[in-house]
């Protein structure tokens, strides 16, 4: 099984394990999306690829209003001890900075804003928060803006996804 297929299986498992609370999800977002790019846009307009030039990740929106999102740097260093509880400070730092995940519920408002109601996140400061993302949907490409990313608070985040068949 490829790393991408493993990621899809984990994402699906996470999505299916979240209790249903809503049944009003917009059908135009329902499905599985693959990440295309994750950039911080600096005040001068410079784009910084947070997870490298070819990030990997999935975003799953289900019809019940649940979602699961995972982002990973494509090329990540393995832990020398083959045990994450034995990771060196550098290995742990790289693992945290090279990934982001959260899951919960979502809704869409008429102003083209996704409302992520985050149950849990790999960045613990986002647990139990609501994150709003202005978005555009052009064909099978979904792009949203992260007004306050987890890194570089002076930046604005942009995340682009491609709908999978």
C-alpha atoms as a PDB file:
ATOM      1  CA  UNK A   1       0.000   0.000   0.000  1.00  0.00           C
ATOM      2  CA  UNK A   2       1.420   3.416  -0.986  1.00  0.00           C
ATOM      3  CA  UNK A   3       1.814   6.205   1.590  1.00  0.00           C
ATOM      4  CA  UNK A   4      -0.975   8.127  -0.175  1.00  0.00           C
ATOM      5  CA  UNK A   5      -3.363   5.147   0.104  1.00  0.00           C
ATOM      6  CA  UNK A   6      -2.470   4.768   3.778  1.00  0.00           C
ATOM      7  CA  UNK A   7      -3.246   8.476   4.277  1.00  0.00           C
ATOM      8  CA  UNK A   8      -6.600   8.029   2.519  1.00  0.00           C
ATOM      9  CA  UNK A   9      -7.470   5.037   4.725  1.00  0.00           C
ATOM     10  CA  UNK A  10      -6.555   6.918   7.921  1.00  0.00           C
ATOM     11  CA  UNK A  11      -8.534   9.971   6.830  1.00  0.00           C
ATOM     12  CA  UNK A  12     -11.575   7.880   5.994  1.00  0.00           C
ATOM     13  CA  UNK A  13     -11.339   6.094   9.336  1.00  0.00           C
ATOM     14  CA  UNK A  14     -11.152   9.405  11.192  1.00  0.00           C
ATOM     15  CA  UNK A  15     -14.076  10.788   9.257  1.00  0.00           C
ATOM     16  CA  UNK A  16     -16.238   7.719   9.869  1.00  0.00           C
ATOM     17  CA  UNK A  17     -15.467   7.689  13.594  1.00  0.00           C
ATOM     18  CA  UNK A  18     -16.805  11.186  14.242  1.00  0.00           C
ATOM     19  CA  UNK A  19     -20.435  11.182  15.477  1.00  0.00           C
ATOM     20  CA  UNK A  20     -22.974  12.741  13.107  1.00  0.00           C
ATOM     21  CA  UNK A  21     -24.430  16.023  14.330  1.00  0.00           C
ATOM     22  CA  UNK A  22     -25.681  17.720  11.141  1.00  0.00           C
ATOM     23  CA  UNK A  23     -27.346  16.675   7.936  1.00  0.00           C
ATOM     24  CA  UNK A  24     -27.233  19.991   6.067  1.00  0.00           C
ATOM     25  CA  UNK A  25     -23.907  19.797   4.262  1.00  0.00           C
ATOM     26  CA  UNK A  26     -23.733  21.471   0.855  1.00  0.00           C
ATOM     27  CA  UNK A  27     -23.490  18.805  -1.852  1.00  0.00           C
ATOM     28  CA  UNK A  28     -20.980  20.798  -3.932  1.00  0.00           C
ATOM     29  CA  UNK A  29     -18.231  20.204  -1.323  1.00  0.00           C
ATOM     30  CA  UNK A  30     -19.045  16.612  -0.362  1.00  0.00           C
ATOM     31  CA  UNK A  31     -16.253  14.263  -1.375  1.00  0.00           C
ATOM     32  CA  UNK A  32     -12.524  13.767  -1.113  1.00  0.00           C
ATOM     33  CA  UNK A  33     -10.003  16.444  -2.044  1.00  0.00           C
ATOM     34  CA  UNK A  34      -6.237  16.156  -2.571  1.00  0.00           C
ATOM     35  CA  UNK A  35      -4.000  19.077  -1.610  1.00  0.00           C
ATOM     36  CA  UNK A  36      -2.325  20.994  -4.433  1.00  0.00           C
ATOM     37  CA  UNK A  37      -0.529  23.717  -2.478  1.00  0.00           C
ATOM     38  CA  UNK A  38      -0.252  25.172   1.022  1.00  0.00           C
ATOM     39  CA  UNK A  39       1.316  28.626   1.022  1.00  0.00           C
ATOM     40  CA  UNK A  40       1.865  31.420   3.467  1.00  0.00           C
ATOM     41  CA  UNK A  41       1.567  34.731   1.653  1.00  0.00           C
ATOM     42  CA  UNK A  42       3.789  37.348   3.262  1.00  0.00           C
ATOM     43  CA  UNK A  43       2.807  41.032   3.447  1.00  0.00           C
ATOM     44  CA  UNK A  44       5.056  41.757   0.426  1.00  0.00           C
ATOM     45  CA  UNK A  45       3.197  39.127  -1.661  1.00  0.00           C
ATOM     46  CA  UNK A  46       5.917  36.457  -1.472  1.00  0.00           C
ATOM     47  CA  UNK A  47       4.595  32.876  -1.339  1.00  0.00           C
ATOM     48  CA  UNK A  48       6.265  30.393   1.031  1.00  0.00           C
ATOM     49  CA  UNK A  49       5.394  26.696   0.463  1.00  0.00           C
ATOM     50  CA  UNK A  50       4.864  25.501   4.054  1.00  0.00           C
ATOM     51  CA  UNK A  51       5.019  21.783   3.255  1.00  0.00           C
ATOM     52  CA  UNK A  52       7.435  21.972   0.361  1.00  0.00           C
ATOM     53  CA  UNK A  53       6.771  22.150  -3.382  1.00  0.00           C
ATOM     54  CA  UNK A  54       4.691  18.943  -3.432  1.00  0.00           C
ATOM     55  CA  UNK A  55       2.667  18.678  -0.222  1.00  0.00           C
ATOM     56  CA  UNK A  56       0.484  15.653   0.403  1.00  0.00           C
ATOM     57  CA  UNK A  57      -2.852  15.596   2.119  1.00  0.00           C
ATOM     58  CA  UNK A  58      -6.538  14.908   2.056  1.00  0.00           C
ATOM     59  CA  UNK A  59      -9.647  16.844   2.954  1.00  0.00           C
ATOM     60  CA  UNK A  60     -12.853  14.849   3.253  1.00  0.00           C
ATOM     61  CA  UNK A  61     -16.265  16.512   3.523  1.00  0.00           C
ATOM     62  CA  UNK A  62     -19.134  14.103   4.198  1.00  0.00           C
ATOM     63  CA  UNK A  63     -22.858  14.657   3.628  1.00  0.00           C
ATOM     64  CA  UNK A  64     -23.528  14.777   7.382  1.00  0.00           C
ATOM     65  CA  UNK A  65     -21.464  17.939   7.907  1.00  0.00           C
ATOM     66  CA  UNK A  66     -18.300  16.222   9.152  1.00  0.00           C
ATOM     67  CA  UNK A  67     -14.804  16.750   7.814  1.00  0.00           C
ATOM     68  CA  UNK A  68     -11.274  15.418   8.259  1.00  0.00           C
ATOM     69  CA  UNK A  69      -8.148  17.212   7.030  1.00  0.00           C
ATOM     70  CA  UNK A  70      -4.497  16.098   6.938  1.00  0.00           C
ATOM     71  CA  UNK A  71      -1.482  17.903   5.478  1.00  0.00           C
ATOM     72  CA  UNK A  72       2.064  16.533   5.280  1.00  0.00           C
ATOM     73  CA  UNK A  73       5.405  17.566   3.895  1.00  0.00           C
ATOM     74  CA  UNK A  74       6.108  14.991   1.149  1.00  0.00           C
ATOM     75  CA  UNK A  75       9.740  14.374   2.080  1.00  0.00           C
ATOM     76  CA  UNK A  76      10.014  13.802   5.827  1.00  0.00           C
ATOM     77  CA  UNK A  77      12.945  12.434   7.801  1.00  0.00           C
ATOM     78  CA  UNK A  78      12.345   9.140   9.589  1.00  0.00           C
ATOM     79  CA  UNK A  79      13.082   8.831  13.310  1.00  0.00           C
ATOM     80  CA  UNK A  80      16.430   7.090  13.828  1.00  0.00           C
ATOM     81  CA  UNK A  81      15.088   5.093  16.819  1.00  0.00           C
ATOM     82  CA  UNK A  82      11.987   3.976  14.850  1.00  0.00           C
ATOM     83  CA  UNK A  83       9.984   5.038  17.941  1.00  0.00           C
ATOM     84  CA  UNK A  84       8.319   8.449  18.150  1.00  0.00           C
ATOM     85  CA  UNK A  85       8.600   8.466  21.948  1.00  0.00           C
ATOM     86  CA  UNK A  86      12.390   8.324  21.419  1.00  0.00           C
ATOM     87  CA  UNK A  87      12.579  11.103  18.827  1.00  0.00           C
ATOM     88  CA  UNK A  88      15.344  13.646  19.113  1.00  0.00           C
ATOM     89  CA  UNK A  89      14.344  17.303  19.561  1.00  0.00           C
ATOM     90  CA  UNK A  90      15.197  17.921  15.887  1.00  0.00           C
ATOM     91  CA  UNK A  91      13.120  14.913  14.724  1.00  0.00           C
ATOM     92  CA  UNK A  92      10.137  15.965  16.840  1.00  0.00           C
ATOM     93  CA  UNK A  93      10.361  19.564  15.630  1.00  0.00           C
ATOM     94  CA  UNK A  94      10.479  18.452  11.985  1.00  0.00           C
ATOM     95  CA  UNK A  95       7.515  16.108  12.499  1.00  0.00           C
ATOM     96  CA  UNK A  96       5.379  18.848  14.045  1.00  0.00           C
ATOM     97  CA  UNK A  97       6.352  21.477  11.495  1.00  0.00           C
ATOM     98  CA  UNK A  98       5.876  19.016   8.623  1.00  0.00           C
ATOM     99  CA  UNK A  99       2.267  18.112   9.389  1.00  0.00           C
ATOM    100  CA  UNK A 100      -1.121  19.543  10.265  1.00  0.00           C
ATOM    101  CA  UNK A 101      -4.403  17.733  10.867  1.00  0.00           C
ATOM    102  CA  UNK A 102      -7.821  18.529  12.287  1.00  0.00           C
ATOM    103  CA  UNK A 103     -11.349  17.160  12.219  1.00  0.00           C
ATOM    104  CA  UNK A 104     -14.816  18.195  13.271  1.00  0.00           C
ATOM    105  CA  UNK A 105     -17.897  19.679  11.611  1.00  0.00           C
ATOM    106  CA  UNK A 106     -18.335  22.209   8.847  1.00  0.00           C
ATOM    107  CA  UNK A 107     -20.998  24.475   7.420  1.00  0.00           C
ATOM    108  CA  UNK A 108     -21.047  26.937   4.527  1.00  0.00           C
ATOM    109  CA  UNK A 109     -22.528  30.426   4.642  1.00  0.00           C
ATOM    110  CA  UNK A 110     -23.859  32.414   1.680  1.00  0.00           C
ATOM    111  CA  UNK A 111     -20.747  34.637   1.652  1.00  0.00           C
ATOM    112  CA  UNK A 112     -18.603  31.689   0.471  1.00  0.00           C
ATOM    113  CA  UNK A 113     -17.131  30.982   3.881  1.00  0.00           C
ATOM    114  CA  UNK A 114     -16.392  27.513   5.226  1.00  0.00           C
ATOM    115  CA  UNK A 115     -16.938  27.356   8.986  1.00  0.00           C
ATOM    116  CA  UNK A 116     -14.677  24.650  10.428  1.00  0.00           C
ATOM    117  CA  UNK A 117     -15.834  23.735  13.942  1.00  0.00           C
ATOM    118  CA  UNK A 118     -12.688  21.936  15.074  1.00  0.00           C
ATOM    119  CA  UNK A 119     -13.106  19.099  17.558  1.00  0.00           C
ATOM    120  CA  UNK A 120      -9.396  18.262  17.699  1.00  0.00           C
ATOM    121  CA  UNK A 121      -6.261  19.367  15.867  1.00  0.00           C
ATOM    122  CA  UNK A 122      -2.603  18.444  15.758  1.00  0.00           C
ATOM    123  CA  UNK A 123      -2.045  22.106  16.729  1.00  0.00           C
ATOM    124  CA  UNK A 124      -3.705  21.929  20.166  1.00  0.00           C
ATOM    125  CA  UNK A 125      -4.466  25.668  20.227  1.00  0.00           C
ATOM    126  CA  UNK A 126      -7.147  24.982  17.604  1.00  0.00           C
ATOM    127  CA  UNK A 127      -8.988  22.321  19.665  1.00  0.00           C
ATOM    128  CA  UNK A 128     -12.587  23.423  20.200  1.00  0.00           C
ATOM    129  CA  UNK A 129     -12.247  26.544  18.054  1.00  0.00           C
ATOM    130  CA  UNK A 130     -14.138  27.798  15.031  1.00  0.00           C
ATOM    131  CA  UNK A 131     -12.011  28.660  11.994  1.00  0.00           C
ATOM    132  CA  UNK A 132     -13.529  30.632   9.106  1.00  0.00           C
ATOM    133  CA  UNK A 133     -12.158  30.250   5.574  1.00  0.00           C
ATOM    134  CA  UNK A 134     -13.265  32.398   2.635  1.00  0.00           C
ATOM    135  CA  UNK A 135     -13.218  30.131  -0.407  1.00  0.00           C
ATOM    136  CA  UNK A 136     -13.578  29.949  -4.151  1.00  0.00           C
ATOM    137  CA  UNK A 137     -14.635  26.883  -6.085  1.00  0.00           C
ATOM    138  CA  UNK A 138     -13.745  26.793  -9.774  1.00  0.00           C
ATOM    139  CA  UNK A 139     -14.545  23.463 -11.415  1.00  0.00           C
ATOM    140  CA  UNK A 140     -12.859  20.813  -9.299  1.00  0.00           C
ATOM    141  CA  UNK A 141     -10.465  23.264  -7.562  1.00  0.00           C
ATOM    142  CA  UNK A 142     -11.251  24.551  -4.072  1.00  0.00           C
ATOM    143  CA  UNK A 143      -9.085  27.350  -2.672  1.00  0.00           C
ATOM    144  CA  UNK A 144      -9.479  28.934   0.738  1.00  0.00           C
ATOM    145  CA  UNK A 145      -7.730  31.609   2.769  1.00  0.00           C
ATOM    146  CA  UNK A 146      -6.402  31.080   6.298  1.00  0.00           C
ATOM    147  CA  UNK A 147      -6.456  34.557   7.890  1.00  0.00           C
ATOM    148  CA  UNK A 148      -4.326  33.513  10.880  1.00  0.00           C
ATOM    149  CA  UNK A 149      -2.088  30.529  10.047  1.00  0.00           C
ATOM    150  CA  UNK A 150      -0.368  28.394  12.684  1.00  0.00           C
ATOM    151  CA  UNK A 151       2.994  29.814  11.558  1.00  0.00           C
ATOM    152  CA  UNK A 152       4.056  33.398  10.766  1.00  0.00           C
ATOM    153  CA  UNK A 153       1.162  35.455  12.119  1.00  0.00           C
ATOM    154  CA  UNK A 154       2.035  38.311   9.739  1.00  0.00           C
ATOM    155  CA  UNK A 155       1.197  36.038   6.790  1.00  0.00           C
ATOM    156  CA  UNK A 156      -2.071  34.878   5.275  1.00  0.00           C
ATOM    157  CA  UNK A 157      -2.449  31.231   4.323  1.00  0.00           C
ATOM    158  CA  UNK A 158      -3.731  29.913   0.996  1.00  0.00           C
ATOM    159  CA  UNK A 159      -4.654  26.272   0.559  1.00  0.00           C
ATOM    160  CA  UNK A 160      -5.693  24.772  -2.774  1.00  0.00           C
ATOM    161  CA  UNK A 161      -7.375  21.376  -3.201  1.00  0.00           C
ATOM    162  CA  UNK A 162      -8.270  19.214  -6.227  1.00  0.00           C
ATOM    163  CA  UNK A 163     -11.426  17.069  -6.062  1.00  0.00           C
ATOM    164  CA  UNK A 164     -10.629  13.373  -6.433  1.00  0.00           C
ATOM    165  CA  UNK A 165     -12.798  11.169  -8.640  1.00  0.00           C
END
